[in-house]
Amino acid sequence: MNAVLFPAGLLAATAGIGYYWYESWRREQVRNRLTEQDTDDEIESRQRPFARRHWWIAVVVAIAVTASLVLAFVCPVPIACALGVVVTLLGVELDAWILEWRQSRIETQLADTIDVLVASVRAGSSLQTALTQAAEYAPMPIKRELDEMVARLRLGDSPPEVFGELSERVPMETFRLFSTTLSVNWEAGGSLGEILAGIGRTIRDRLIIARQIRALSTQGRLTTVVVLVVTWFMAAMMWQSDPPRFVRFLTTPTGTWLITLALVLQGVGIAMVSKISRPKV
């Protein structure tokens, strides 16, 4: 009996130890994969830009509009494609305006943050303490960027690397100047308060010039919008006055290509006004 129980117990113990080691190895592999995933997500969140273009949304909407006009309303294909081009350009213009508004907003917040940093540094605080105080009172979205910088500095990351990644997350000239100044001052030292005060004045001057340029270019944008609205209003009035004749005009080759040409010219006008009204400051 003992000759049977002893090998059976030894086999059971060996199987238990093997199962324990297998589970430990499996848990270790899962833990490693989770750690790698968290690291990749963290790196991606650090390198994710503050604001990006979403022009592909305009393309998707234009394709949907074109397909709906051709399939549901039996619109001539050239007219539907020209309308898709106009919708694409209008969507890209709207996306560029939203991006411009977000960039102007965070630049204004950067100038206010620099004022807080200058006051803290001149009062005797260190750069890390000044950044912490600025992050506490800063509004969104710049608060997220400052919190990221402060957290990484507290964890012991290299300050020049932290400052450099700020300019990568917010790829703008003002943030590049700000991060470069902090990196150079951290490496070489110097009067940080005076330098930051000069940068703050430069950023505010740049914002003033940008607002003046936008105010001067508003007339061209409004003119383009008025021309588009008047054209579509006249087309709606013509259709309302005599729908059968208007539909027959659309279905004729001459009417189809004339309307297509008018829509293409509208798209060219939108693109030209968008290019002219956005000079680099």
Protein backbone atom coordinates (compact mmCIF):
# COMPACT_ATOMS: atom_id res chain seq x y z
CA MET A 1 0.00 0.00 0.00
CA ASN A 2 2.80 2.42 0.88
CA ALA A 3 4.55 1.49 -2.36
CA VAL A 4 1.51 2.80 -4.23
CA LEU A 5 0.76 5.87 -2.13
CA PHE A 6 4.30 7.22 -2.13
CA PRO A 7 4.66 7.46 -5.94
CA ALA A 8 1.11 8.83 -6.20
CA GLY A 9 1.84 11.50 -3.58
CA LEU A 10 5.13 12.37 -5.25
CA LEU A 11 3.40 12.67 -8.60
CA ALA A 12 0.66 14.85 -7.11
CA ALA A 13 3.25 17.10 -5.41
CA THR A 14 5.21 17.38 -8.65
CA ALA A 15 2.04 18.24 -10.56
CA GLY A 16 1.09 20.84 -7.93
CA ILE A 17 4.52 22.47 -8.05
CA GLY A 18 4.45 22.47 -11.84
CA TYR A 19 0.99 24.02 -11.88
CA TYR A 20 2.10 26.68 -9.36
CA TRP A 21 5.13 27.60 -11.44
CA TYR A 22 3.02 27.66 -14.61
CA GLU A 23 0.50 30.05 -13.00
CA SER A 24 3.31 32.23 -11.70
CA TRP A 25 4.88 32.39 -15.14
CA ARG A 26 1.51 33.22 -16.74
CA ARG A 27 0.82 36.00 -14.23
CA GLU A 28 4.30 37.40 -14.84
CA GLN A 29 3.71 37.46 -18.59
CA VAL A 30 0.37 39.21 -18.14
CA ARG A 31 1.97 41.73 -15.76
CA ASN A 32 4.76 42.42 -18.27
CA ARG A 33 2.28 42.97 -21.08
CA LEU A 34 0.24 45.36 -18.96
CA THR A 35 3.37 47.26 -17.97
CA GLU A 36 4.47 47.55 -21.58
CA GLN A 37 1.00 48.68 -22.60
CA ASP A 38 0.91 51.32 -19.86
CA THR A 39 4.35 52.54 -20.91
CA ASP A 40 3.30 52.77 -24.56
CA ASP A 41 0.11 54.62 -23.61
CA GLU A 42 2.09 57.00 -21.42
CA ILE A 43 4.59 57.72 -24.19
CA GLU A 44 1.76 58.22 -26.67
CA SER A 45 -0.01 60.61 -24.29
CA ARG A 46 3.20 62.60 -23.87
CA GLN A 47 3.75 62.88 -27.62
CA ARG A 48 0.10 63.49 -28.52
CA PRO A 49 -0.18 67.02 -29.92
CA PHE A 50 -2.33 69.58 -28.20
CA ALA A 51 -4.49 70.18 -31.26
CA ARG A 52 -4.51 68.49 -34.64
CA ARG A 53 -6.31 68.82 -37.93
CA HIS A 54 -9.39 66.70 -38.62
CA TRP A 55 -9.73 67.35 -42.35
CA TRP A 56 -10.72 63.74 -42.96
CA ILE A 57 -14.11 64.46 -41.34
CA ALA A 58 -14.83 66.98 -44.10
CA VAL A 59 -13.87 64.38 -46.72
CA VAL A 60 -16.17 61.75 -45.18
CA VAL A 61 -19.08 64.23 -45.00
CA ALA A 62 -18.47 65.29 -48.62
CA ILE A 63 -18.47 61.65 -49.80
CA ALA A 64 -21.72 61.03 -47.91
CA VAL A 65 -23.33 64.15 -49.41
CA THR A 66 -22.21 63.20 -52.93
CA ALA A 67 -23.48 59.63 -52.59
CA SER A 68 -26.82 60.85 -51.18
CA LEU A 69 -27.31 63.31 -54.04
CA VAL A 70 -26.53 60.69 -56.69
CA LEU A 71 -28.43 57.76 -55.18
CA ALA A 72 -31.34 59.37 -53.34
CA PHE A 73 -32.04 62.55 -55.35
CA VAL A 74 -30.82 61.32 -58.78
CA CYS A 75 -28.58 64.38 -59.12
CA PRO A 76 -26.20 64.50 -62.11
CA VAL A 77 -22.81 63.10 -61.19
CA PRO A 78 -20.75 66.19 -62.17
CA ILE A 79 -22.93 68.48 -60.04
CA ALA A 80 -22.81 66.06 -57.10
CA CYS A 81 -19.01 65.82 -57.33
CA ALA A 82 -18.66 69.61 -57.53
CA LEU A 83 -20.90 69.97 -54.48
CA GLY A 84 -18.70 67.42 -52.72
CA VAL A 85 -15.65 69.56 -53.49
CA VAL A 86 -17.35 72.67 -52.09
CA VAL A 87 -18.42 70.81 -48.95
CA THR A 88 -14.88 69.48 -48.49
CA LEU A 89 -13.34 72.94 -48.78
CA LEU A 90 -15.89 74.45 -46.39
CA GLY A 91 -15.24 71.66 -43.88
CA VAL A 92 -11.48 72.10 -44.13
CA GLU A 93 -11.91 75.85 -43.66
CA LEU A 94 -14.07 75.28 -40.56
CA ASP A 95 -11.51 72.84 -39.15
CA ALA A 96 -8.70 75.35 -39.76
CA TRP A 97 -10.71 78.06 -38.00
CA ILE A 98 -11.27 75.83 -34.95
CA LEU A 99 -7.55 74.97 -34.84
CA GLU A 100 -6.64 78.66 -35.11
CA TRP A 101 -9.03 79.53 -32.28
CA ARG A 102 -7.58 76.83 -30.00
CA GLN A 103 -4.02 77.89 -30.72
CA SER A 104 -4.82 81.55 -30.05
CA ARG A 105 -6.48 80.56 -26.78
CA ILE A 106 -3.55 78.52 -25.47
CA GLU A 107 -1.09 81.23 -26.55
CA THR A 108 -3.01 83.77 -24.47
CA GLN A 109 -2.92 81.36 -21.53
CA LEU A 110 0.83 80.90 -22.01
CA ALA A 111 1.36 84.67 -21.75
CA ASP A 112 -0.65 84.75 -18.50
CA THR A 113 1.29 81.73 -17.19
CA ILE A 114 4.59 83.46 -17.93
CA ASP A 115 3.44 86.46 -15.89
CA VAL A 116 2.82 84.13 -12.93
CA LEU A 117 6.23 82.49 -13.42
CA VAL A 118 7.96 85.87 -13.53
CA ALA A 119 6.30 86.97 -10.29
CA SER A 120 7.19 83.69 -8.54
CA VAL A 121 10.81 83.66 -9.75
CA ARG A 122 11.36 87.27 -8.77
CA ALA A 123 9.96 86.47 -5.32
CA GLY A 124 12.71 83.89 -4.85
CA SER A 125 10.99 80.64 -5.85
CA SER A 126 12.73 77.97 -7.86
CA LEU A 127 11.63 77.13 -11.37
CA GLN A 128 9.95 73.89 -10.32
CA THR A 129 8.07 75.65 -7.51
CA ALA A 130 7.03 78.43 -9.89
CA LEU A 131 5.74 75.89 -12.40
CA THR A 132 3.78 74.16 -9.64
CA GLN A 133 2.15 77.43 -8.58
CA ALA A 134 1.37 78.35 -12.18
CA ALA A 135 -0.22 74.93 -12.79
CA GLU A 136 -2.51 75.39 -9.77
CA TYR A 137 -4.07 78.59 -11.10
CA ALA A 138 -3.84 78.00 -14.86
CA PRO A 139 -7.06 77.28 -16.80
CA MET A 140 -7.55 74.45 -19.24
CA PRO A 141 -6.08 73.47 -21.66
CA ILE A 142 -2.65 74.78 -20.64
CA LYS A 143 -3.18 73.39 -17.14
CA ARG A 144 -2.94 69.86 -18.53
CA GLU A 145 0.42 70.62 -20.14
CA LEU A 146 1.81 72.28 -16.98
CA ASP A 147 0.61 69.40 -14.78
CA GLU A 148 2.41 66.98 -17.09
CA MET A 149 5.63 68.99 -16.77
CA VAL A 150 5.39 69.28 -12.98
CA ALA A 151 4.62 65.58 -12.52
CA ARG A 152 7.56 64.49 -14.65
CA LEU A 153 9.94 66.90 -12.91
CA ARG A 154 8.87 65.51 -9.53
CA LEU A 155 9.52 61.96 -10.78
CA GLY A 156 13.09 62.92 -11.61
CA ASP A 157 12.98 63.10 -15.41
CA SER A 158 15.54 65.22 -17.21
CA PRO A 159 14.27 68.84 -17.25
CA PRO A 160 15.57 69.63 -20.78
CA GLU A 161 13.77 66.54 -22.05
CA VAL A 162 10.56 67.55 -20.27
CA PHE A 163 10.74 71.08 -21.67
CA GLY A 164 11.50 69.74 -25.15
CA GLU A 165 8.47 67.45 -25.13
CA LEU A 166 6.28 70.44 -24.28
CA SER A 167 7.18 72.00 -27.63
CA GLU A 168 6.42 68.65 -29.29
CA ARG A 169 2.97 68.39 -27.72
CA VAL A 170 2.20 72.02 -28.60
CA PRO A 171 4.09 72.58 -31.89
CA MET A 172 3.90 76.38 -31.96
CA GLU A 173 6.59 79.04 -32.20
CA THR A 174 5.75 80.58 -28.83
CA PHE A 175 5.91 77.26 -26.98
CA ARG A 176 9.13 76.37 -28.78
CA LEU A 177 10.64 79.66 -27.61
CA PHE A 178 9.36 79.09 -24.08
CA SER A 179 10.68 75.52 -23.80
CA THR A 180 14.04 76.44 -25.34
CA THR A 181 14.44 79.30 -22.87
CA LEU A 182 13.71 77.03 -19.91
CA SER A 183 16.14 74.37 -21.17
CA VAL A 184 18.96 76.85 -21.76
CA ASN A 185 18.41 78.53 -18.39
CA TRP A 186 18.39 75.16 -16.62
CA GLU A 187 21.71 74.22 -18.22
CA ALA A 188 23.50 77.59 -18.17
CA GLY A 189 21.70 79.60 -15.48
CA GLY A 190 21.05 83.32 -15.61
CA SER A 191 18.33 85.80 -14.76
CA LEU A 192 15.23 83.75 -15.60
CA GLY A 193 12.77 86.43 -14.50
CA GLU A 194 14.02 89.04 -16.97
CA ILE A 195 14.17 86.54 -19.82
CA LEU A 196 10.65 85.27 -19.19
CA ALA A 197 9.34 88.83 -18.93
CA GLY A 198 10.79 89.57 -22.38
CA ILE A 199 9.24 86.40 -23.79
CA GLY A 200 5.87 87.35 -22.30
CA ARG A 201 6.01 90.76 -23.98
CA THR A 202 7.00 89.13 -27.28
CA ILE A 203 4.08 86.69 -27.12
CA ARG A 204 1.60 89.46 -26.36
CA ASP A 205 2.93 91.57 -29.24
CA ARG A 206 2.58 88.57 -31.54
CA LEU A 207 -1.02 88.02 -30.40
CA ILE A 208 -1.85 91.68 -31.04
CA ILE A 209 -0.42 91.51 -34.57
CA ALA A 210 -2.29 88.26 -35.25
CA ARG A 211 -5.59 89.80 -34.10
CA GLN A 212 -5.01 92.83 -36.34
CA ILE A 213 -4.34 90.57 -39.32
CA ARG A 214 -7.48 88.55 -38.62
CA ALA A 215 -9.51 91.76 -38.34
CA LEU A 216 -8.17 92.98 -41.69
CA SER A 217 -8.86 89.64 -43.39
CA THR A 218 -12.42 89.40 -42.04
CA GLN A 219 -13.74 91.49 -44.92
CA GLY A 220 -12.47 89.00 -47.50
CA ARG A 221 -13.97 86.06 -45.62
CA LEU A 222 -17.32 87.78 -45.23
CA THR A 223 -17.32 88.67 -48.93
CA THR A 224 -16.80 85.01 -49.83
CA VAL A 225 -19.59 83.93 -47.50
CA VAL A 226 -21.96 86.56 -48.90
CA VAL A 227 -21.23 85.49 -52.49
CA LEU A 228 -21.90 81.84 -51.60
CA VAL A 229 -25.12 82.68 -49.78
CA VAL A 230 -26.40 84.94 -52.58
CA THR A 231 -25.64 82.29 -55.22
CA TRP A 232 -27.45 79.56 -53.35
CA PHE A 233 -30.33 81.91 -52.52
CA MET A 234 -30.78 82.78 -56.19
CA ALA A 235 -30.74 79.09 -57.12
CA ALA A 236 -33.39 78.37 -54.47
CA MET A 237 -35.57 81.24 -55.77
CA MET A 238 -35.28 79.97 -59.36
CA TRP A 239 -36.27 76.50 -58.26
CA GLN A 240 -39.16 77.87 -56.21
CA SER A 241 -40.53 79.95 -59.10
CA ASP A 242 -40.62 77.11 -61.66
CA PRO A 243 -39.44 73.70 -60.37
CA PRO A 244 -40.03 71.66 -63.57
CA ARG A 245 -38.09 74.09 -65.76
CA PHE A 246 -35.28 74.28 -63.24
CA VAL A 247 -35.04 70.48 -63.06
CA ARG A 248 -35.02 70.23 -66.87
CA PHE A 249 -32.20 72.78 -66.97
CA LEU A 250 -30.22 70.69 -64.49
CA THR A 251 -30.64 67.52 -66.52
CA THR A 252 -29.49 69.05 -69.82
CA PRO A 253 -25.76 68.69 -70.63
CA THR A 254 -25.31 72.45 -70.93
CA GLY A 255 -27.01 73.20 -67.62
CA THR A 256 -25.16 70.40 -65.85
CA TRP A 257 -21.71 71.59 -66.91
CA LEU A 258 -22.50 75.27 -66.33
CA ILE A 259 -23.61 74.59 -62.76
CA THR A 260 -20.61 72.31 -62.25
CA LEU A 261 -18.30 75.07 -63.45
CA ALA A 262 -19.97 77.57 -61.08
CA LEU A 263 -19.52 75.21 -58.14
CA VAL A 264 -15.88 74.55 -59.01
CA LEU A 265 -15.24 78.30 -59.19
CA GLN A 266 -16.83 78.67 -55.76
CA GLY A 267 -14.44 76.05 -54.44
CA VAL A 268 -11.47 77.85 -56.00
CA GLY A 269 -12.63 81.10 -54.38
CA ILE A 270 -12.89 79.43 -50.97
CA ALA A 271 -9.38 78.00 -51.30
CA MET A 272 -7.88 81.32 -52.44
CA VAL A 273 -9.49 83.33 -49.63
CA SER A 274 -8.37 80.73 -47.09
CA LYS A 275 -4.78 80.98 -48.36
CA ILE A 276 -4.72 84.78 -48.46
CA SER A 277 -6.35 85.34 -45.07
CA ARG A 278 -3.82 83.24 -43.09
CA PRO A 279 -0.37 84.82 -43.32
CA LYS A 280 2.35 83.66 -40.96
CA VAL A 281 3.03 85.96 -38.01
